Amino acid sequence: MSPIRTTLRRAGTVTALAAAGVLTAAGASFAHVTVHSESSAKGATDGVLTFRVPNEEDTASTTKVQVFLPTDHPVLGVLVTPQDGWSAKVTTTKLKKPVKTDDGTITDAVSEITWTGGRIRHGQYQDFNVAFGQLPDNTDELTFKTLQTYSDGNVARWIEETPKGGEEPENPAPVLQLTATAKGAAQDTGSAADSDKSAAGSGSSAPKAADSDSTARGLGIAGLIVGVLGLAAAGFAIARGRTATARSADE
């Protein structure tokens, strides 16, 4: 085999392996169930939680999604948005510690929402929207453990909690980071002031889901760069080989 072909094959192999590694990492990030909300300040009122559920199986569809809401720091006034093709079952639980609000004392809260009847196929995702009346104001984050059931009977258990300062586990539970609200400020996060606070928050208070998405996009860009560099290296090898051949002919 000529030196040119050997160089091209090596360059192509390195490029393919690097790109595959990058895409695998990016795919893993996108496969996680995540939770998002534009109203993420402590004590926020009248907002919406969006649970994004991607399908990570090649040969099966997602047919059931169970989201478990925390009861130690309950989300109050939960209402499920109707979803085409899906039926929602809401389970409430009596709170160990009632929550006092301006409208009275709350003794029960939603602890589980189960969606069934629909299908999320390979390469697709589904957003499940849940309206809330008020988020807790005495915690920095809310963890929503989730079970994702597939048509073949397999269950993805998104229930692992990420230790502080540690690496993300293989099956992380969706987490909503809550931003601080200034004392005396209105709790309604529909206001422009709260939107500015959310956008200007520190890196540690940014939603983990957004960080994962940003990381995945960065990895995708890195893969493209690796591919371009590989092609450039191959082109350089061809040019050198042709130059060497021309010199040999002249001699």
Protein backbone atom coordinates (compact mmCIF):
# COMPACT_ATOMS: atom_id res chain seq x y z
CA MET A 1 0.00 0.00 0.00
CA SER A 2 1.34 3.44 -0.94
CA PRO A 3 2.28 5.98 1.77
CA ILE A 4 -0.52 8.26 0.56
CA ARG A 5 -3.21 5.60 0.99
CA THR A 6 -1.81 4.61 4.40
CA THR A 7 -1.91 8.21 5.58
CA LEU A 8 -5.44 8.70 4.25
CA ARG A 9 -6.67 5.55 5.95
CA ARG A 10 -5.15 6.58 9.29
CA ALA A 11 -6.59 10.08 9.04
CA GLY A 12 -10.03 8.71 8.17
CA THR A 13 -9.94 6.24 11.07
CA VAL A 14 -8.96 8.90 13.61
CA THR A 15 -11.65 11.27 12.32
CA ALA A 16 -14.36 8.59 12.41
CA LEU A 17 -13.48 7.45 15.94
CA ALA A 18 -13.34 10.99 17.27
CA ALA A 19 -16.64 11.96 15.67
CA ALA A 20 -18.32 8.78 16.93
CA GLY A 21 -17.16 9.48 20.47
CA VAL A 22 -18.44 13.04 20.34
CA LEU A 23 -21.82 12.05 18.93
CA THR A 24 -22.22 9.28 21.50
CA ALA A 25 -21.59 11.72 24.34
CA ALA A 26 -23.96 14.24 22.84
CA GLY A 27 -26.64 11.60 22.30
CA ALA A 28 -26.37 10.50 25.93
CA SER A 29 -26.99 14.05 27.11
CA PHE A 30 -30.06 14.47 24.91
CA ALA A 31 -31.48 11.09 26.02
CA HIS A 32 -32.08 12.21 29.61
CA VAL A 33 -35.52 13.19 30.86
CA THR A 34 -35.32 16.85 31.92
CA VAL A 35 -37.51 19.50 33.54
CA HIS A 36 -37.63 23.16 32.48
CA SER A 37 -39.50 26.25 33.61
CA GLU A 38 -39.36 29.96 32.87
CA SER A 39 -40.67 30.49 36.41
CA SER A 40 -37.92 29.04 38.56
CA ALA A 41 -37.54 31.54 41.42
CA LYS A 42 -38.17 30.38 44.98
CA GLY A 43 -41.82 30.90 45.82
CA ALA A 44 -42.71 31.58 42.16
CA THR A 45 -46.44 31.58 41.40
CA ASP A 46 -48.61 30.76 38.40
CA GLY A 47 -45.98 29.08 36.23
CA VAL A 48 -45.49 25.95 34.13
CA LEU A 49 -43.16 22.97 34.52
CA THR A 50 -42.24 21.22 31.27
CA PHE A 51 -41.03 17.62 31.44
CA ARG A 52 -39.18 16.72 28.23
CA VAL A 53 -39.12 12.98 27.53
CA PRO A 54 -36.98 11.78 24.59
CA ASN A 55 -37.11 8.21 23.29
CA GLU A 56 -33.70 6.55 23.58
CA GLU A 57 -34.62 3.07 22.32
CA ASP A 58 -34.09 2.06 18.68
CA THR A 59 -36.71 -0.69 18.58
CA ALA A 60 -39.33 0.38 21.12
CA SER A 61 -41.63 3.34 21.82
CA THR A 62 -42.25 5.11 25.11
CA THR A 63 -45.79 4.28 26.23
CA LYS A 64 -45.87 5.41 29.86
CA VAL A 65 -44.28 8.23 31.84
CA GLN A 66 -44.47 8.53 35.64
CA VAL A 67 -43.23 11.70 37.33
CA PHE A 68 -42.93 11.78 41.12
CA LEU A 69 -43.21 15.23 42.69
CA PRO A 70 -41.40 15.97 45.96
CA THR A 71 -43.60 16.06 49.08
CA ASP A 72 -40.95 17.35 51.49
CA HIS A 73 -40.94 20.59 49.46
CA PRO A 74 -44.31 20.32 47.69
CA VAL A 75 -45.36 22.07 44.50
CA LEU A 76 -48.76 23.60 45.21
CA GLY A 77 -51.79 23.99 42.96
CA VAL A 78 -50.72 21.48 40.30
CA LEU A 79 -52.85 21.21 37.15
CA VAL A 80 -52.10 18.94 34.18
CA THR A 81 -52.27 20.38 30.67
CA PRO A 82 -54.27 18.12 28.28
CA GLN A 83 -51.93 16.31 25.88
CA ASP A 84 -53.18 14.92 22.56
CA GLY A 85 -53.15 11.13 22.61
CA TRP A 86 -52.24 10.91 26.30
CA SER A 87 -54.31 10.40 29.45
CA ALA A 88 -53.04 11.74 32.76
CA LYS A 89 -53.67 10.28 36.20
CA VAL A 90 -52.92 12.57 39.15
CA THR A 91 -52.21 11.18 42.64
CA THR A 92 -52.36 13.38 45.73
CA THR A 93 -50.76 12.75 49.12
CA LYS A 94 -51.44 14.14 52.58
CA LEU A 95 -48.46 16.27 53.60
CA LYS A 96 -46.55 15.43 56.78
CA LYS A 97 -46.10 19.15 57.32
CA PRO A 98 -48.94 21.40 56.09
CA VAL A 99 -47.95 24.50 54.15
CA LYS A 100 -49.33 27.92 55.12
CA THR A 101 -50.19 30.25 52.25
CA ASP A 102 -52.02 33.54 51.82
CA ASP A 103 -55.07 31.53 50.80
CA GLY A 104 -54.97 29.24 53.82
CA THR A 105 -53.23 26.07 54.98
CA ILE A 106 -52.54 23.36 52.40
CA THR A 107 -52.66 19.79 53.73
CA ASP A 108 -52.55 17.81 50.45
CA ALA A 109 -50.37 18.05 47.34
CA VAL A 110 -49.82 16.16 44.09
CA SER A 111 -47.18 13.46 44.53
CA GLU A 112 -47.36 11.62 41.19
CA ILE A 113 -48.51 12.19 37.61
CA THR A 114 -48.75 9.25 35.19
CA TRP A 115 -49.26 9.67 31.44
CA THR A 116 -50.38 6.71 29.33
CA GLY A 117 -52.06 6.00 25.99
CA GLY A 118 -49.64 7.80 23.69
CA ARG A 119 -46.39 6.86 21.97
CA ILE A 120 -42.99 8.50 21.69
CA ARG A 121 -41.14 6.80 18.85
CA HIS A 122 -37.43 6.53 18.12
CA GLY A 123 -35.91 9.90 17.29
CA GLN A 124 -38.81 11.80 18.88
CA TYR A 125 -39.55 13.50 22.18
CA GLN A 126 -42.66 14.67 24.00
CA ASP A 127 -43.15 17.70 26.26
CA PHE A 128 -45.57 17.25 29.17
CA ASN A 129 -46.69 20.58 30.66
CA VAL A 130 -47.81 20.94 34.26
CA ALA A 131 -49.13 24.25 35.63
CA PHE A 132 -48.43 25.13 39.25
CA GLY A 133 -49.81 27.63 41.72
CA GLN A 134 -46.66 28.07 43.78
CA LEU A 135 -43.14 26.66 44.11
CA PRO A 136 -41.59 26.17 47.55
CA ASP A 137 -39.38 28.96 48.87
CA ASN A 138 -37.33 26.90 51.34
CA THR A 139 -35.15 24.81 49.01
CA ASP A 140 -32.57 25.40 46.28
CA GLU A 141 -33.74 22.65 43.94
CA LEU A 142 -36.58 20.29 43.18
CA THR A 143 -35.98 16.68 42.15
CA PHE A 144 -38.60 14.89 40.05
CA LYS A 145 -37.82 11.18 39.91
CA THR A 146 -39.22 9.68 36.70
CA LEU A 147 -39.98 6.22 35.30
CA GLN A 148 -40.12 5.81 31.51
CA THR A 149 -41.77 2.60 30.29
CA TYR A 150 -41.25 1.24 26.76
CA SER A 151 -43.46 -0.90 24.53
CA ASP A 152 -41.12 -3.88 25.01
CA GLY A 153 -41.55 -3.75 28.80
CA ASN A 154 -38.21 -2.14 29.63
CA VAL A 155 -38.27 0.70 32.17
CA ALA A 156 -35.74 3.53 32.28
CA ARG A 157 -35.46 4.67 35.90
CA TRP A 158 -34.45 8.33 35.99
CA ILE A 159 -34.12 8.38 39.77
CA GLU A 160 -30.45 8.86 40.61
CA GLU A 161 -29.52 12.08 42.39
CA THR A 162 -26.31 13.91 41.50
CA PRO A 163 -24.07 14.37 44.56
CA LYS A 164 -22.95 17.91 45.24
CA GLY A 165 -19.68 18.52 43.46
CA GLY A 166 -19.84 15.04 41.91
CA GLU A 167 -20.30 13.70 38.41
CA GLU A 168 -23.72 13.20 36.88
CA PRO A 169 -24.92 9.59 37.38
CA GLU A 170 -25.89 7.31 34.50
CA ASN A 171 -29.64 7.75 35.07
CA PRO A 172 -30.05 11.20 36.63
CA ALA A 173 -33.42 12.35 37.95
CA PRO A 174 -34.74 15.59 36.42
CA VAL A 175 -33.79 18.54 38.64
CA LEU A 176 -35.09 22.10 38.61
CA GLN A 177 -32.67 24.59 40.15
CA LEU A 178 -34.47 27.40 41.96
CA THR A 179 -33.08 30.91 41.82
CA ALA A 180 -33.10 33.29 44.76
CA THR A 181 -35.72 36.02 45.00
CA ALA A 182 -34.79 39.36 46.57
CA LYS A 183 -36.54 40.16 49.85
CA GLY A 184 -39.64 42.24 49.38
CA ALA A 185 -39.78 41.52 45.64
CA ALA A 186 -42.94 40.22 44.04
CA GLN A 187 -43.08 36.43 43.83
CA ASP A 188 -44.85 36.45 40.47
CA THR A 189 -42.17 35.27 38.03
CA GLY A 190 -44.27 36.40 35.11
CA SER A 191 -42.85 39.88 35.76
CA ALA A 192 -39.92 41.27 33.79
CA ALA A 193 -37.89 41.69 36.99
CA ASP A 194 -37.96 37.99 37.80
CA SER A 195 -37.13 37.13 34.19
CA ASP A 196 -34.05 39.35 34.41
CA LYS A 197 -33.00 37.66 37.66
CA SER A 198 -33.27 34.23 36.10
CA ALA A 199 -31.19 35.32 33.10
CA ALA A 200 -28.57 37.07 35.23
CA GLY A 201 -28.21 34.30 37.82
CA SER A 202 -24.83 32.77 38.67
CA GLY A 203 -23.54 29.72 36.82
CA SER A 204 -24.32 27.52 39.82
CA SER A 205 -27.98 28.47 39.74
CA ALA A 206 -28.55 27.84 36.02
CA PRO A 207 -30.78 24.84 35.26
CA LYS A 208 -28.85 21.61 34.91
CA ALA A 209 -30.95 20.67 31.91
CA ALA A 210 -29.83 23.78 30.06
CA ASP A 211 -26.21 23.02 30.96
CA SER A 212 -26.60 19.51 29.54
CA ASP A 213 -28.07 20.83 26.31
CA SER A 214 -25.28 23.40 25.97
CA THR A 215 -22.67 20.71 26.60
CA ALA A 216 -24.21 18.47 23.95
CA ARG A 217 -24.25 21.28 21.39
CA GLY A 218 -20.61 22.05 22.22
CA LEU A 219 -19.68 18.42 21.71
CA GLY A 220 -21.45 18.41 18.35
CA ILE A 221 -19.49 21.45 17.22
CA ALA A 222 -16.29 19.81 18.42
CA GLY A 223 -17.11 16.76 16.30
CA LEU A 224 -17.48 18.91 13.19
CA ILE A 225 -14.16 20.58 13.90
CA VAL A 226 -12.49 17.17 14.30
CA GLY A 227 -13.93 16.09 10.96
CA VAL A 228 -12.66 19.21 9.18
CA LEU A 229 -9.19 18.77 10.67
CA GLY A 230 -9.15 15.15 9.54
CA LEU A 231 -10.00 16.11 5.97
CA ALA A 232 -7.39 18.84 6.03
CA ALA A 233 -4.77 16.36 7.20
CA ALA A 234 -5.73 13.97 4.41
CA GLY A 235 -5.48 16.76 1.81
CA PHE A 236 -2.07 17.75 3.10
CA ALA A 237 -0.90 14.14 2.85
CA ILE A 238 -2.03 13.94 -0.78
CA ALA A 239 -0.23 17.18 -1.63
CA ARG A 240 3.00 15.96 -0.05
CA GLY A 241 2.75 12.63 -1.88
CA ARG A 242 2.28 14.33 -5.24
CA THR A 243 5.21 16.65 -4.58
CA ALA A 244 7.43 13.72 -3.68
CA THR A 245 6.37 11.87 -6.84
CA ALA A 246 7.12 14.88 -9.04
CA ARG A 247 10.57 15.25 -7.51
CA SER A 248 11.36 11.60 -8.15
CA ALA A 249 10.35 11.98 -11.81
CA ASP A 250 12.56 15.03 -12.26
CA GLU A 251 15.54 13.19 -10.85
